C-alpha atoms as a PDB file:
ATOM      1  CA  MET A   1     -79.890  36.351   8.321  1.00  0.00           C
ATOM      2  CA  ASN A   2     -78.808  33.910   6.342  1.00  0.00           C
ATOM      3  CA  ALA A   3     -80.400  33.187   2.632  1.00  0.00           C
ATOM      4  CA  ALA A   4     -83.169  31.028   4.081  1.00  0.00           C
ATOM      5  CA  ASP A   5     -84.204  33.308   6.498  1.00  0.00           C
ATOM      6  CA  GLU A   6     -84.416  35.905   3.970  1.00  0.00           C
ATOM      7  CA  ALA A   7     -86.608  34.130   1.601  1.00  0.00           C
ATOM      8  CA  ALA A   8     -88.513  32.724   4.071  1.00  0.00           C
ATOM      9  CA  LYS A   9     -89.432  36.724   5.155  1.00  0.00           C
ATOM     10  CA  ALA A  10     -89.849  37.895   1.621  1.00  0.00           C
ATOM     11  CA  LYS A  11     -92.360  34.834   1.382  1.00  0.00           C
ATOM     12  CA  ASP A  12     -94.484  35.969   4.278  1.00  0.00           C
ATOM     13  CA  VAL A  13     -94.230  39.935   3.191  1.00  0.00           C
ATOM     14  CA  ALA A  14     -95.702  38.368  -0.219  1.00  0.00           C
ATOM     15  CA  ALA A  15     -98.171  36.553   1.320  1.00  0.00           C
ATOM     16  CA  SER A  16     -99.203  39.494   3.325  1.00  0.00           C
ATOM     17  CA  ILE A  17     -99.723  41.602   0.411  1.00  0.00           C
ATOM     18  CA  VAL A  18    -101.586  39.372  -1.289  1.00  0.00           C
ATOM     19  CA  ALA A  19    -103.908  38.659   1.572  1.00  0.00           C
ATOM     20  CA  SER A  20    -104.402  42.597   2.237  1.00  0.00           C
ATOM     21  CA  ASP A  21    -105.263  42.957  -2.068  1.00  0.00           C
ATOM     22  CA  GLY A  22    -107.710  40.090  -1.579  1.00  0.00           C
ATOM     23  CA  ALA A  23    -109.351  41.852   1.196  1.00  0.00           C
ATOM     24  CA  SER A  24    -109.468  45.277  -0.218  1.00  0.00           C
ATOM     25  CA  ALA A  25    -110.908  43.954  -3.203  1.00  0.00           C
ATOM     26  CA  GLU A  26    -113.533  42.136  -1.164  1.00  0.00           C
ATOM     27  CA  ALA A  27    -114.341  45.422   0.697  1.00  0.00           C
ATOM     28  CA  ASP A  28    -114.553  46.913  -2.562  1.00  0.00           C
ATOM     29  CA  ALA A  29    -116.569  44.445  -4.350  1.00  0.00           C
ATOM     30  CA  GLY A  30    -119.977  46.411  -4.028  1.00  0.00           C
ATOM     31  CA  PRO A  31    -123.151  45.541  -2.472  1.00  0.00           C
ATOM     32  CA  THR A  32    -124.916  42.102  -3.048  1.00  0.00           C
ATOM     33  CA  GLU A  33    -128.069  41.840  -4.802  1.00  0.00           C
ATOM     34  CA  ALA A  34    -129.524  41.028  -1.498  1.00  0.00           C
ATOM     35  CA  GLU A  35    -128.321  44.272   0.298  1.00  0.00           C
ATOM     36  CA  LEU A  36    -129.242  46.472  -2.765  1.00  0.00           C
ATOM     37  CA  ALA A  37    -132.774  44.782  -2.762  1.00  0.00           C
ATOM     38  CA  ALA A  38    -133.146  45.972   1.066  1.00  0.00           C
ATOM     39  CA  LEU A  39    -132.114  49.524   0.593  1.00  0.00           C
ATOM     40  CA  LYS A  40    -134.709  49.628  -2.384  1.00  0.00           C
ATOM     41  CA  LYS A  41    -137.533  48.167  -0.118  1.00  0.00           C
ATOM     42  CA  GLN A  42    -136.414  50.951   2.829  1.00  0.00           C
ATOM     43  CA  GLN A  43    -136.553  53.570  -0.136  1.00  0.00           C
ATOM     44  CA  SER A  44    -140.006  52.679  -0.690  1.00  0.00           C
ATOM     45  CA  ASN A  45    -141.092  52.656   2.757  1.00  0.00           C
ATOM     46  CA  LEU A  46    -139.341  55.801   2.834  1.00  0.00           C
ATOM     47  CA  GLY A  47    -141.372  57.551  -0.262  1.00  0.00           C
ATOM     48  CA  SER A  48    -144.630  55.769   1.550  1.00  0.00           C
ATOM     49  CA  GLU A  49    -143.804  57.542   5.042  1.00  0.00           C
ATOM     50  CA  VAL A  50    -143.058  61.094   3.176  1.00  0.00           C
ATOM     51  CA  LYS A  51    -146.542  60.942   1.325  1.00  0.00           C
ATOM     52  CA  ASP A  52    -148.151  60.107   4.489  1.00  0.00           C
ATOM     53  CA  PHE A  53    -146.651  63.002   6.127  1.00  0.00           C
ATOM     54  CA  LEU A  54    -147.394  65.260   3.381  1.00  0.00           C
ATOM     55  CA  THR A  55    -151.324  64.527   3.594  1.00  0.00           C
ATOM     56  CA  LEU A  56    -153.146  65.578   6.944  1.00  0.00           C
ATOM     57  CA  ASP A  57    -155.695  62.800   7.324  1.00  0.00           C
ATOM     58  CA  ASP A  58    -158.605  62.843   9.496  1.00  0.00           C
ATOM     59  CA  ASP A  59    -157.053  61.081  12.474  1.00  0.00           C
ATOM     60  CA  GLU A  60    -154.008  64.201  12.649  1.00  0.00           C
ATOM     61  CA  ARG A  61    -156.758  66.824  12.398  1.00  0.00           C
ATOM     62  CA  ALA A  62    -158.617  65.255  15.471  1.00  0.00           C
ATOM     63  CA  ALA A  63    -155.082  64.745  17.345  1.00  0.00           C
ATOM     64  CA  ALA A  64    -154.474  68.431  16.559  1.00  0.00           C
ATOM     65  CA  ASP A  65    -157.782  69.374  17.836  1.00  0.00           C
ATOM     66  CA  ARG A  66    -156.972  67.449  20.926  1.00  0.00           C
ATOM     67  CA  ALA A  67    -153.726  69.249  21.116  1.00  0.00           C
ATOM     68  CA  ALA A  68    -155.306  72.517  21.179  1.00  0.00           C
ATOM     69  CA  LYS A  69    -157.353  71.275  23.969  1.00  0.00           C
ATOM     70  CA  ALA A  70    -154.733  70.147  25.953  1.00  0.00           C
ATOM     71  CA  LEU A  71    -152.812  73.380  25.522  1.00  0.00           C
ATOM     72  CA  ALA A  72    -155.461  75.698  26.397  1.00  0.00           C
ATOM     73  CA  ALA A  73    -156.259  73.715  29.586  1.00  0.00           C
ATOM     74  CA  LEU A  74    -152.397  73.671  30.366  1.00  0.00           C
ATOM     75  CA  ALA A  75    -152.094  77.369  29.939  1.00  0.00           C
ATOM     76  CA  ASP A  76    -155.112  78.128  32.227  1.00  0.00           C
ATOM     77  CA  GLU A  77    -153.829  75.982  34.827  1.00  0.00           C
ATOM     78  CA  LYS A  78    -150.070  76.771  34.928  1.00  0.00           C
ATOM     79  CA  LEU A  79    -149.582  80.179  33.171  1.00  0.00           C
ATOM     80  CA  PRO A  80    -150.597  83.946  34.150  1.00  0.00           C
ATOM     81  CA  PRO A  81    -153.741  85.526  32.546  1.00  0.00           C
ATOM     82  CA  TRP A  82    -151.833  87.369  29.922  1.00  0.00           C
ATOM     83  CA  ALA A  83    -149.888  84.204  28.807  1.00  0.00           C
ATOM     84  CA  ALA A  84    -152.309  82.143  28.779  1.00  0.00           C
ATOM     85  CA  GLY A  85    -154.490  84.501  26.171  1.00  0.00           C
ATOM     86  CA  ILE A  86    -151.549  84.250  24.110  1.00  0.00           C
ATOM     87  CA  ILE A  87    -151.412  80.424  24.169  1.00  0.00           C
ATOM     88  CA  LYS A  88    -155.058  80.095  23.421  1.00  0.00           C
ATOM     89  CA  ALA A  89    -154.679  82.357  20.497  1.00  0.00           C
ATOM     90  CA  THR A  90    -151.812  80.500  18.880  1.00  0.00           C
ATOM     91  CA  ALA A  91    -153.110  77.084  20.049  1.00  0.00           C
ATOM     92  CA  PRO A  92    -154.651  75.997  16.529  1.00  0.00           C
ATOM     93  CA  MET A  93    -151.048  76.710  14.590  1.00  0.00           C
ATOM     94  CA  LEU A  94    -149.418  75.403  17.637  1.00  0.00           C
ATOM     95  CA  SER A  95    -151.466  72.062  17.853  1.00  0.00           C
ATOM     96  CA  VAL A  96    -150.760  71.828  13.998  1.00  0.00           C
ATOM     97  CA  SER A  97    -147.261  72.028  14.039  1.00  0.00           C
ATOM     98  CA  LEU A  98    -147.216  69.671  17.015  1.00  0.00           C
ATOM     99  CA  VAL A  99    -148.894  67.094  15.125  1.00  0.00           C
ATOM    100  CA  VAL A 100    -147.189  67.521  11.979  1.00  0.00           C
ATOM    101  CA  ALA A 101    -143.656  67.314  14.071  1.00  0.00           C
ATOM    102  CA  TYR A 102    -144.974  64.378  15.515  1.00  0.00           C
ATOM    103  CA  SER A 103    -145.686  62.697  12.001  1.00  0.00           C
ATOM    104  CA  PHE A 104    -142.066  63.696  11.107  1.00  0.00           C
ATOM    105  CA  ILE A 105    -140.251  61.458  13.792  1.00  0.00           C
ATOM    106  CA  PRO A 106    -140.868  58.278  11.645  1.00  0.00           C
ATOM    107  CA  VAL A 107    -139.739  59.450   8.612  1.00  0.00           C
ATOM    108  CA  ALA A 108    -136.664  60.804   9.857  1.00  0.00           C
ATOM    109  CA  VAL A 109    -135.913  57.792  11.425  1.00  0.00           C
ATOM    110  CA  LEU A 110    -136.260  56.198   8.117  1.00  0.00           C
ATOM    111  CA  ALA A 111    -134.440  58.722   6.131  1.00  0.00           C
ATOM    112  CA  CYS A 112    -131.735  58.168   8.854  1.00  0.00           C
ATOM    113  CA  LYS A 113    -131.735  54.248   8.241  1.00  0.00           C
ATOM    114  CA  VAL A 114    -131.526  54.586   4.519  1.00  0.00           C
ATOM    115  CA  ALA A 115    -128.739  56.899   4.636  1.00  0.00           C
ATOM    116  CA  ALA A 116    -126.933  54.450   6.624  1.00  0.00           C
ATOM    117  CA  MET A 117    -127.627  51.345   4.616  1.00  0.00           C
ATOM    118  CA  ALA A 118    -126.588  53.529   1.681  1.00  0.00           C
ATOM    119  CA  TRP A 119    -123.362  54.641   3.146  1.00  0.00           C
ATOM    120  CA  SER A 120    -122.607  51.054   4.626  1.00  0.00           C
ATOM    121  CA  MET A 121    -122.443  49.912   0.849  1.00  0.00           C
ATOM    122  CA  VAL A 122    -120.055  52.337  -0.203  1.00  0.00           C
ATOM    123  CA  PRO A 123    -116.780  50.682  -0.999  1.00  0.00           C
ATOM    124  CA  ALA A 124    -114.308  51.580   1.748  1.00  0.00           C
ATOM    125  CA  ASN A 125    -112.139  53.167  -0.504  1.00  0.00           C
ATOM    126  CA  LEU A 126    -114.484  55.355  -2.242  1.00  0.00           C
ATOM    127  CA  ALA A 127    -115.627  56.227   1.386  1.00  0.00           C
ATOM    128  CA  THR A 128    -112.132  57.392   2.069  1.00  0.00           C
ATOM    129  CA  ALA A 129    -111.962  59.302  -0.948  1.00  0.00           C
ATOM    130  CA  VAL A 130    -115.043  60.969  -0.113  1.00  0.00           C
ATOM    131  CA  VAL A 131    -114.210  61.823   2.986  1.00  0.00           C
ATOM    132  CA  GLY A 132    -110.564  62.948   2.008  1.00  0.00           C
ATOM    133  CA  PHE A 133    -112.277  65.343  -0.822  1.00  0.00           C
ATOM    134  CA  SER A 134    -114.679  67.187   1.718  1.00  0.00           C
ATOM    135  CA  LEU A 135    -112.046  67.824   4.257  1.00  0.00           C
ATOM    136  CA  ALA A 136    -109.901  69.379   1.397  1.00  0.00           C
ATOM    137  CA  PHE A 137    -112.300  72.332   1.192  1.00  0.00           C
ATOM    138  CA  VAL A 138    -112.427  72.799   4.710  1.00  0.00           C
ATOM    139  CA  GLY A 139    -109.923  75.333   4.511  1.00  0.00           C
ATOM    140  CA  GLY A 140    -108.889  77.194   8.167  1.00  0.00           C
ATOM    141  CA  CYS A 141    -111.216  74.974   9.731  1.00  0.00           C
ATOM    142  CA  PHE A 142    -109.266  71.774   8.897  1.00  0.00           C
ATOM    143  CA  PRO A 143    -107.380  71.463  12.304  1.00  0.00           C
ATOM    144  CA  VAL A 144    -110.482  72.500  14.103  1.00  0.00           C
ATOM    145  CA  LEU A 145    -112.670  69.983  12.295  1.00  0.00           C
ATOM    146  CA  LEU A 146    -110.314  66.932  13.227  1.00  0.00           C
ATOM    147  CA  ALA A 147    -109.807  67.945  16.941  1.00  0.00           C
ATOM    148  CA  SER A 148    -113.676  68.156  17.095  1.00  0.00           C
ATOM    149  CA  VAL A 149    -113.856  64.889  15.724  1.00  0.00           C
ATOM    150  CA  GLU A 150    -111.562  63.115  17.758  1.00  0.00           C
ATOM    151  CA  ALA A 151    -113.004  64.968  20.554  1.00  0.00           C
ATOM    152  CA  ALA A 152    -116.315  63.648  20.207  1.00  0.00           C
ATOM    153  CA  LYS A 153    -114.707  60.015  19.813  1.00  0.00           C
ATOM    154  CA  LEU A 154    -112.994  60.609  23.017  1.00  0.00           C
ATOM    155  CA  CYS A 155    -115.778  61.681  25.070  1.00  0.00           C
ATOM    156  CA  GLY A 156    -118.434  59.018  24.110  1.00  0.00           C
ATOM    157  CA  LEU A 157    -119.499  59.243  20.580  1.00  0.00           C
ATOM    158  CA  ASN A 158    -120.346  55.897  20.002  1.00  0.00           C
ATOM    159  CA  GLU A 159    -121.883  55.752  23.450  1.00  0.00           C
ATOM    160  CA  ALA A 160    -124.219  58.867  22.618  1.00  0.00           C
ATOM    161  CA  GLY A 161    -125.282  56.891  19.365  1.00  0.00           C
ATOM    162  CA  VAL A 162    -126.122  53.968  21.306  1.00  0.00           C
ATOM    163  CA  ALA A 163    -128.410  56.316  23.656  1.00  0.00           C
ATOM    164  CA  VAL A 164    -129.888  57.847  20.472  1.00  0.00           C
ATOM    165  CA  GLU A 165    -130.890  54.626  19.487  1.00  0.00           C
ATOM    166  CA  ALA A 166    -132.644  53.741  23.169  1.00  0.00           C
ATOM    167  CA  LEU A 167    -134.570  56.890  23.075  1.00  0.00           C
ATOM    168  CA  VAL A 168    -135.679  56.224  19.374  1.00  0.00           C
ATOM    169  CA  ASP A 169    -137.180  53.063  20.254  1.00  0.00           C
ATOM    170  CA  ASP A 170    -138.718  54.280  23.572  1.00  0.00           C
ATOM    171  CA  ALA A 171    -140.325  57.105  21.428  1.00  0.00           C
ATOM    172  CA  LYS A 172    -141.844  54.214  18.965  1.00  0.00           C
ATOM    173  CA  ARG A 173    -143.267  52.388  21.811  1.00  0.00           C
ATOM    174  CA  VAL A 174    -144.729  55.366  23.158  1.00  0.00           C
ATOM    175  CA  MET A 175    -145.958  56.407  20.157  1.00  0.00           C
ATOM    176  CA  ALA A 176    -147.736  53.209  19.081  1.00  0.00           C
ATOM    177  CA  LYS A 177    -149.321  53.085  22.883  1.00  0.00           C
ATOM    178  CA  SER A 178    -150.526  56.218  22.340  1.00  0.00           C
ATOM    179  CA  ALA A 179    -151.945  55.466  19.152  1.00  0.00           C
ATOM    180  CA  GLU A 180    -153.649  52.422  20.646  1.00  0.00           C
ATOM    181  CA  ASP A 181    -155.317  54.800  23.484  1.00  0.00           C
ATOM    182  CA  ASP A 182    -156.962  56.930  20.888  1.00  0.00           C
ATOM    183  CA  LEU A 183    -159.105  54.002  19.514  1.00  0.00           C
ATOM    184  CA  VAL A 184    -160.086  52.833  23.093  1.00  0.00           C
ATOM    185  CA  ASP A 185    -164.071  53.589  23.317  1.00  0.00           C
ATOM    186  CA  ASP A 186    -164.875  52.466  26.657  1.00  0.00           C
ATOM    187  CA  ASP A 187    -168.461  53.561  26.855  1.00  0.00           C
ATOM    188  CA  HIS A 188    -169.137  52.000  23.333  1.00  0.00           C
ATOM    189  CA  ASP A 189    -170.915  54.885  21.975  1.00  0.00           C
ATOM    190  CA  GLY A 190    -168.559  55.040  18.498  1.00  0.00           C
ATOM    191  CA  ILE A 191    -166.818  57.797  19.541  1.00  0.00           C
ATOM    192  CA  ALA A 192    -162.971  57.733  21.105  1.00  0.00           C
ATOM    193  CA  ASP A 193    -162.509  58.305  24.296  1.00  0.00           C
ATOM    194  CA  VAL A 194    -159.857  60.756  23.826  1.00  0.00           C
ATOM    195  CA  ASN A 195    -162.430  62.870  21.865  1.00  0.00           C
ATOM    196  CA  GLN A 196    -164.977  63.093  24.603  1.00  0.00           C
ATOM    197  CA  ILE A 197    -162.829  64.415  27.492  1.00  0.00           C
ATOM    198  CA  THR A 198    -161.441  67.634  28.381  1.00  0.00           C
ATOM    199  CA  GLY A 199    -157.833  69.116  27.607  1.00  0.00           C
ATOM    200  CA  SER A 200    -157.266  68.491  31.620  1.00  0.00           C
ATOM    201  CA  GLN A 201    -158.230  65.024  31.392  1.00  0.00           C
ATOM    202  CA  LEU A 202    -156.453  64.305  28.011  1.00  0.00           C
ATOM    203  CA  ILE A 203    -152.929  65.813  29.516  1.00  0.00           C
ATOM    204  CA  VAL A 204    -153.564  63.225  32.682  1.00  0.00           C
ATOM    205  CA  ARG A 205    -154.353  60.287  30.359  1.00  0.00           C
ATOM    206  CA  LYS A 206    -151.567  60.850  27.907  1.00  0.00           C
ATOM    207  CA  THR A 207    -148.805  61.270  30.958  1.00  0.00           C
END
């Protein structure tokens, strides 16, 4: 290799180093004002969702009553007498638990979205340092953890994430349609139809 070739190669290496430093600096520049504003908005929405979740309003109490009727009807139709008695006795508690779990879904989805947005704004070098710092305290499980992560990636971790997102979207649509159905009053007597039917009819209607 002559002197001209060596000079050209050195120039290329220097250019690649400068480009790499520029890309690294751009990646570590931090979030933009728009990204921070979007994150603050999502955090505000999360606070509202948590507040609503912690307060059981009249609609949710009505939903709990409907769930209790449905559980009792399902127990009578599908379970032996001794099991049906247990379900009926615990129906009020179970129905409230179901309503609370149902109400928690939007909170959990929004919390995951806020966490993902916040993590995406972390500079690349800092994110790497955080992950490395965490792995340093795994101890004897270090190889197992790395092997588990790599196995998950090979076995479809990204595909699983896409599938979960699809399930969440489907759940949102189902919840929206169910909420619309709860307001239907076909006989125009001022009382929602779902509050005037038996537990068995409610199961058929919602499924």
